[in-house]
Amino acid sequence: MNKFALAIYLTLALIAPALSAESALNSDDPVIRILGVAQDAGFPQAGCYEARCSPAWEDRNQQQAATALAIIDPSTKQTILFEATPQLPQQLYELHKRAPVDEYQIKGVFITHAHIGHYTGLMYFGHEAQGAQNVPVFVMPRLRNFLENNGPWSQLVEFNNIQLQTLQADKAHTVGRITVQPFTVPHRDEFSETVGFKISSPSKSAIFIPDIDKWEKWQQSLPELIMDVDYAFLDATFYADGELPNRDMSKVPHPLVTDTMLKLISLNEHHRNKVWFIHFNHTNPLLDPQSSAAQQVRSKGFNISSTGQELPF
């Protein structure tokens, strides 16, 4: 494929989901909006001044917020967030531009676990910031205990900035027309459990697993899970072996994108196209949509999440 053809392909690949979602948003159908795609610390990462990070320090357009999703439901005028990242204020603003706060209400924030990129944005609902009232925050039992008994999070609870709702593994919770079912996944659980979510609308379903250890540590069959949904947002923290110098990548608690693709390559094209890789470390070449790694992912029928994309749901 020549450079001109590749440029056209990349442009169409990026705008097609958004165009479809624009149509969906003008109807009564929900959409999934991608609010961020980076690993917890965002891109560029603090302390990285190497060639891969320096341009993004100078050009804000190259910066990436930590991974988060939103469901926008025009029928009920409700939004649901998945993760509360350190970039929550900017992400809320981007959401506001698509679902204005004078029309839409945040009906829930679902959090996967207590690592910095997934829950620390809750502070922006607090007394020193937005001063929100009773924002429903859905968490597993250990995470609830952590938030209630450790500052500054306990103040959010005390001042009723947030209203904690306890989730149970494998038990669905309904918010408007959206159903969310958490399921536990193996990961570093220093302060809380780690879960993924199965998210369902009246017509579609998705799984969201931004953090997990190697797939082999999980009893669930990933190919079977993907065949049962319409979208699969999967942990893509690291792309391939050798990405972290002087580290044995087989011991890093994340599945490599190359390994995930190998595990799923036997699926037909329809099912592979459900996969949306997300949660990219600052070392991950998939942050550059024109990298050879990104081209490899797309050539195998998989997708790479990008901030601002919307998918009909």
Protein backbone atom coordinates (compact mmCIF):
# COMPACT_ATOMS: atom_id res chain seq x y z
CA MET A 1 0.00 0.00 0.00
CA ASN A 2 1.52 3.37 -1.02
CA LYS A 3 1.65 6.34 1.37
CA PHE A 4 -1.30 8.11 -0.23
CA ALA A 5 -3.50 5.03 -0.04
CA LEU A 6 -2.39 4.41 3.54
CA ALA A 7 -3.29 7.98 4.52
CA ILE A 8 -6.77 7.58 3.01
CA TYR A 9 -7.23 4.24 4.80
CA LEU A 10 -6.19 5.68 8.18
CA THR A 11 -8.47 8.68 7.76
CA LEU A 12 -11.47 6.53 6.91
CA ALA A 13 -10.68 4.09 9.72
CA LEU A 14 -10.66 6.90 12.25
CA ILE A 15 -13.72 8.83 11.12
CA ALA A 16 -16.05 5.99 10.15
CA PRO A 17 -16.90 4.95 13.73
CA ALA A 18 -17.42 8.59 14.69
CA LEU A 19 -19.72 9.17 11.72
CA SER A 20 -21.74 6.12 12.62
CA ALA A 21 -21.95 7.26 16.22
CA GLU A 22 -23.02 10.77 15.19
CA SER A 23 -25.99 9.21 13.47
CA ALA A 24 -26.65 7.07 16.54
CA LEU A 25 -26.46 10.07 18.88
CA ASN A 26 -29.06 11.87 16.80
CA SER A 27 -31.36 8.89 17.29
CA ASP A 28 -32.32 7.21 20.55
CA ASP A 29 -29.53 4.63 20.44
CA PRO A 30 -26.68 4.82 22.98
CA VAL A 31 -23.06 5.28 21.95
CA ILE A 32 -19.73 4.37 23.53
CA ARG A 33 -17.35 7.34 23.56
CA ILE A 34 -13.64 6.74 24.18
CA LEU A 35 -12.37 9.41 26.60
CA GLY A 36 -8.77 8.23 26.92
CA VAL A 37 -6.48 5.43 25.77
CA ALA A 38 -3.22 5.69 27.73
CA GLN A 39 -1.92 3.69 30.66
CA ASP A 40 -2.54 5.16 34.13
CA ALA A 41 0.15 7.85 33.92
CA GLY A 42 -0.98 9.18 30.54
CA PHE A 43 1.20 10.14 27.59
CA PRO A 44 3.79 11.56 27.78
CA GLN A 45 4.62 10.01 31.11
CA ALA A 46 6.20 12.00 33.93
CA GLY A 47 9.98 11.89 33.72
CA CYS A 48 10.10 10.69 30.10
CA TYR A 49 12.07 13.19 28.02
CA GLU A 50 13.25 10.76 25.38
CA ALA A 51 12.52 11.06 21.66
CA ARG A 52 9.21 9.22 21.97
CA CYS A 53 7.89 11.62 24.63
CA SER A 54 9.49 15.01 23.94
CA PRO A 55 7.25 16.01 20.98
CA ALA A 56 4.14 15.45 23.09
CA TRP A 57 5.43 17.76 25.83
CA GLU A 58 5.61 20.53 23.22
CA ASP A 59 2.41 19.66 21.31
CA ARG A 60 -0.72 19.13 23.40
CA ASN A 61 -2.44 17.53 20.42
CA GLN A 62 -0.14 14.53 20.84
CA GLN A 63 -0.93 14.04 24.52
CA GLN A 64 -3.17 11.19 25.61
CA ALA A 65 -5.31 10.90 28.75
CA ALA A 66 -5.59 7.73 30.80
CA THR A 67 -8.06 5.10 29.66
CA ALA A 68 -11.75 5.79 30.20
CA LEU A 69 -15.04 5.18 28.43
CA ALA A 70 -18.44 6.85 28.56
CA ILE A 71 -21.87 5.62 27.56
CA ILE A 72 -24.13 8.36 26.21
CA ASP A 73 -27.84 7.49 26.04
CA PRO A 74 -29.91 10.15 24.23
CA SER A 75 -33.15 8.35 25.07
CA THR A 76 -32.76 8.67 28.85
CA LYS A 77 -30.49 11.76 28.76
CA GLN A 78 -27.98 9.91 30.91
CA THR A 79 -24.25 9.28 30.78
CA ILE A 80 -22.19 6.60 32.52
CA LEU A 81 -18.42 6.78 33.06
CA PHE A 82 -16.01 3.88 33.27
CA GLU A 83 -12.96 4.92 35.33
CA ALA A 84 -12.19 8.23 37.04
CA THR A 85 -8.77 9.17 35.68
CA PRO A 86 -6.30 11.91 36.66
CA GLN A 87 -7.47 13.73 33.51
CA LEU A 88 -11.14 13.64 34.57
CA PRO A 89 -11.73 17.43 34.23
CA GLN A 90 -10.71 17.47 30.55
CA GLN A 91 -12.59 14.25 29.88
CA LEU A 92 -15.73 15.66 31.49
CA TYR A 93 -15.41 18.73 29.28
CA GLU A 94 -15.10 16.62 26.14
CA LEU A 95 -18.14 14.65 27.28
CA HIS A 96 -20.02 17.89 27.97
CA LYS A 97 -19.46 19.01 24.37
CA ARG A 98 -21.27 15.87 23.16
CA ALA A 99 -23.77 15.49 26.02
CA PRO A 100 -24.26 18.93 27.65
CA VAL A 101 -24.59 18.89 31.41
CA ASP A 102 -27.78 20.96 31.30
CA GLU A 103 -29.39 18.12 29.34
CA TYR A 104 -27.57 14.96 30.47
CA GLN A 105 -26.93 13.65 33.98
CA ILE A 106 -24.05 11.41 35.06
CA LYS A 107 -25.85 8.40 36.51
CA GLY A 108 -22.84 6.35 37.47
CA VAL A 109 -19.05 6.03 37.59
CA PHE A 110 -17.88 2.41 37.46
CA ILE A 111 -14.30 1.77 38.59
CA THR A 112 -12.27 -1.35 37.85
CA HIS A 113 -9.63 -1.12 40.60
CA ALA A 114 -7.45 1.06 42.84
CA HIS A 115 -4.51 1.91 40.59
CA ILE A 116 -3.85 5.59 40.02
CA GLY A 117 -5.20 5.92 36.49
CA HIS A 118 -8.53 4.36 37.37
CA TYR A 119 -9.85 6.04 40.52
CA THR A 120 -7.82 9.11 41.54
CA GLY A 121 -9.93 11.41 39.35
CA LEU A 122 -12.65 11.07 41.97
CA MET A 123 -10.89 13.92 43.78
CA TYR A 124 -12.27 16.36 41.21
CA PHE A 125 -15.80 15.70 42.47
CA GLY A 126 -14.65 16.87 45.89
CA HIS A 127 -14.92 19.85 48.22
CA GLU A 128 -11.88 21.67 46.79
CA ALA A 129 -12.97 21.17 43.19
CA GLN A 130 -16.43 20.63 41.66
CA GLY A 131 -18.20 20.17 44.97
CA ALA A 132 -20.51 17.61 43.37
CA GLN A 133 -23.39 16.07 45.24
CA ASN A 134 -24.12 12.34 45.45
CA VAL A 135 -22.41 11.21 42.25
CA PRO A 136 -23.10 7.44 42.16
CA VAL A 137 -19.76 5.58 42.21
CA PHE A 138 -19.95 1.82 41.70
CA VAL A 139 -17.14 -0.21 43.27
CA MET A 140 -16.36 -3.67 44.54
CA PRO A 141 -16.31 -4.32 48.34
CA ARG A 142 -12.55 -3.96 48.95
CA LEU A 143 -12.42 -0.77 46.92
CA ARG A 144 -15.37 0.62 48.86
CA ASN A 145 -13.58 -0.11 52.12
CA PHE A 146 -10.42 1.54 50.79
CA LEU A 147 -12.25 4.72 49.78
CA GLU A 148 -14.24 4.95 53.01
CA ASN A 149 -11.23 4.50 55.29
CA ASN A 150 -8.42 6.42 53.58
CA GLY A 151 -8.07 10.13 52.99
CA PRO A 152 -8.66 12.13 50.94
CA TRP A 153 -11.26 9.74 49.49
CA SER A 154 -13.09 9.37 52.80
CA GLN A 155 -13.87 13.10 52.70
CA LEU A 156 -15.67 12.63 49.38
CA VAL A 157 -17.93 10.14 51.15
CA GLU A 158 -18.32 12.26 54.31
CA PHE A 159 -19.30 15.37 52.33
CA ASN A 160 -21.63 13.36 50.06
CA ASN A 161 -19.69 14.40 46.97
CA ILE A 162 -19.91 10.78 45.90
CA GLN A 163 -22.37 8.06 46.85
CA LEU A 164 -20.73 4.64 46.93
CA GLN A 165 -22.68 1.71 45.51
CA THR A 166 -21.38 -1.81 46.16
CA LEU A 167 -21.00 -4.20 43.26
CA GLN A 168 -20.85 -7.98 43.43
CA ALA A 169 -18.88 -10.13 41.03
CA ASP A 170 -21.01 -11.61 38.24
CA LYS A 171 -24.12 -9.76 39.41
CA ALA A 172 -25.59 -7.27 36.93
CA HIS A 173 -26.50 -3.72 37.90
CA THR A 174 -28.87 -1.66 35.76
CA VAL A 175 -28.58 2.09 35.19
CA GLY A 176 -31.35 3.34 32.93
CA ARG A 177 -31.21 1.16 29.82
CA ILE A 178 -27.61 0.06 30.46
CA THR A 179 -26.65 -3.07 32.38
CA VAL A 180 -23.17 -3.47 33.87
CA GLN A 181 -21.88 -6.78 35.19
CA PRO A 182 -18.46 -6.90 36.90
CA PHE A 183 -16.25 -9.97 36.76
CA THR A 184 -12.99 -10.45 38.62
CA VAL A 185 -9.71 -10.72 36.74
CA PRO A 186 -6.20 -11.54 38.00
CA HIS A 187 -4.07 -8.45 38.56
CA ARG A 188 -2.01 -6.71 41.24
CA ASP A 189 -4.60 -6.24 43.99
CA GLU A 190 -2.73 -4.22 46.61
CA PHE A 191 -5.69 -2.02 47.62
CA SER A 192 -8.72 -3.54 45.91
CA GLU A 193 -10.05 -6.28 43.71
CA THR A 194 -9.63 -5.87 39.95
CA VAL A 195 -12.61 -6.36 37.68
CA GLY A 196 -13.58 -6.07 34.07
CA PHE A 197 -17.08 -5.09 33.03
CA LYS A 198 -19.60 -6.57 30.64
CA ILE A 199 -21.72 -3.64 29.50
CA SER A 200 -25.04 -4.19 27.73
CA SER A 201 -27.52 -1.90 25.99
CA PRO A 202 -30.88 -3.00 24.56
CA SER A 203 -29.15 -4.04 21.33
CA LYS A 204 -25.38 -4.49 21.88
CA SER A 205 -22.81 -5.56 24.44
CA ALA A 206 -19.16 -4.89 25.22
CA ILE A 207 -16.44 -6.07 27.57
CA PHE A 208 -13.98 -3.65 29.13
CA ILE A 209 -10.75 -5.14 30.53
CA PRO A 210 -8.16 -2.36 30.75
CA ASP A 211 -5.92 -4.23 33.22
CA ILE A 212 -5.26 -7.94 33.59
CA ASP A 213 -2.33 -10.27 34.16
CA LYS A 214 -1.44 -12.82 31.50
CA TRP A 215 -4.51 -14.42 29.92
CA GLU A 216 -3.24 -17.83 31.05
CA LYS A 217 -3.88 -16.83 34.68
CA TRP A 218 -7.58 -16.34 33.97
CA GLN A 219 -9.96 -19.27 33.81
CA GLN A 220 -12.27 -17.57 31.31
CA SER A 221 -11.81 -18.34 27.59
CA LEU A 222 -11.05 -15.03 25.89
CA PRO A 223 -12.09 -16.19 22.38
CA GLU A 224 -15.44 -17.44 23.71
CA LEU A 225 -16.00 -14.18 25.57
CA ILE A 226 -15.34 -12.14 22.42
CA MET A 227 -17.70 -14.25 20.34
CA ASP A 228 -20.46 -13.39 22.81
CA VAL A 229 -20.19 -9.56 22.56
CA ASP A 230 -20.08 -6.79 19.96
CA TYR A 231 -17.02 -4.93 21.29
CA ALA A 232 -14.02 -6.00 23.38
CA PHE A 233 -11.81 -3.28 24.88
CA LEU A 234 -8.69 -5.18 25.92
CA ASP A 235 -5.54 -4.44 27.91
CA ALA A 236 -2.82 -3.36 25.47
CA THR A 237 -0.36 -1.84 27.94
CA PHE A 238 2.66 -3.30 26.16
CA TYR A 239 2.96 -4.26 22.51
CA ALA A 240 5.79 -6.79 22.32
CA ASP A 241 8.75 -8.41 24.03
CA GLY A 242 11.74 -6.09 24.40
CA GLU A 243 9.63 -2.96 24.90
CA LEU A 244 11.01 -2.46 28.41
CA PRO A 245 14.84 -2.60 28.31
CA ASN A 246 16.47 -4.99 30.75
CA ARG A 247 13.11 -6.46 31.81
CA ASP A 248 11.83 -10.00 31.37
CA MET A 249 8.51 -9.16 29.71
CA SER A 250 7.14 -12.62 30.46
CA LYS A 251 6.99 -11.55 34.11
CA VAL A 252 5.31 -8.20 33.50
CA PRO A 253 1.67 -8.45 34.72
CA HIS A 254 0.02 -7.54 31.43
CA PRO A 255 -0.63 -9.56 28.25
CA LEU A 256 1.46 -8.39 25.29
CA VAL A 257 -0.59 -7.27 22.30
CA THR A 258 1.37 -9.71 20.13
CA ASP A 259 0.37 -12.56 22.46
CA THR A 260 -3.28 -11.48 22.54
CA MET A 261 -3.41 -11.37 18.73
CA LEU A 262 -1.86 -14.84 18.54
CA LYS A 263 -4.46 -16.14 20.99
CA LEU A 264 -7.28 -14.68 18.89
CA ILE A 265 -5.97 -15.13 15.36
CA SER A 266 -8.03 -18.28 14.84
CA LEU A 267 -11.24 -16.26 15.19
CA ASN A 268 -12.84 -15.25 11.91
CA GLU A 269 -12.53 -11.67 10.68
CA HIS A 270 -15.93 -10.68 12.05
CA HIS A 271 -14.96 -11.61 15.61
CA ARG A 272 -11.41 -10.20 15.38
CA ASN A 273 -12.93 -6.89 14.30
CA LYS A 274 -14.70 -6.68 17.68
CA VAL A 275 -11.37 -6.19 19.46
CA TRP A 276 -10.35 -2.64 20.38
CA PHE A 277 -6.92 -2.50 22.01
CA ILE A 278 -6.67 0.18 24.74
CA HIS A 279 -4.57 1.25 27.78
CA PHE A 280 -1.22 1.97 26.07
CA ASN A 281 1.96 2.52 28.07
CA HIS A 282 4.09 5.47 26.98
CA THR A 283 6.51 2.96 25.40
CA ASN A 284 3.81 1.35 23.25
CA PRO A 285 4.20 2.01 19.49
CA LEU A 286 0.41 1.75 19.06
CA LEU A 287 0.21 5.31 20.36
CA ASP A 288 1.35 6.25 16.85
CA PRO A 289 -1.46 5.18 14.45
CA GLN A 290 0.98 5.18 11.54
CA SER A 291 3.63 2.98 13.19
CA SER A 292 4.50 -0.38 11.69
CA ALA A 293 3.09 -2.02 14.82
CA ALA A 294 -0.26 -0.26 14.32
CA GLN A 295 -0.32 -1.34 10.69
CA GLN A 296 0.34 -4.93 11.79
CA VAL A 297 -2.58 -4.83 14.24
CA ARG A 298 -4.99 -3.49 11.62
CA SER A 299 -3.76 -5.91 8.96
CA LYS A 300 -4.75 -8.80 11.22
CA GLY A 301 -8.28 -7.43 11.55
CA PHE A 302 -8.03 -5.86 15.03
CA ASN A 303 -8.72 -2.25 16.04
CA ILE A 304 -6.78 0.40 17.95
CA SER A 305 -8.78 2.69 20.21
CA SER A 306 -8.34 6.45 19.85
CA THR A 307 -9.59 9.29 22.00
CA GLY A 308 -12.82 10.82 20.75
CA GLN A 309 -13.99 7.77 18.83
CA GLU A 310 -17.64 6.84 19.23
CA LEU A 311 -19.15 3.46 18.52
CA PRO A 312 -22.89 2.75 18.09
CA PHE A 313 -24.15 0.89 21.12
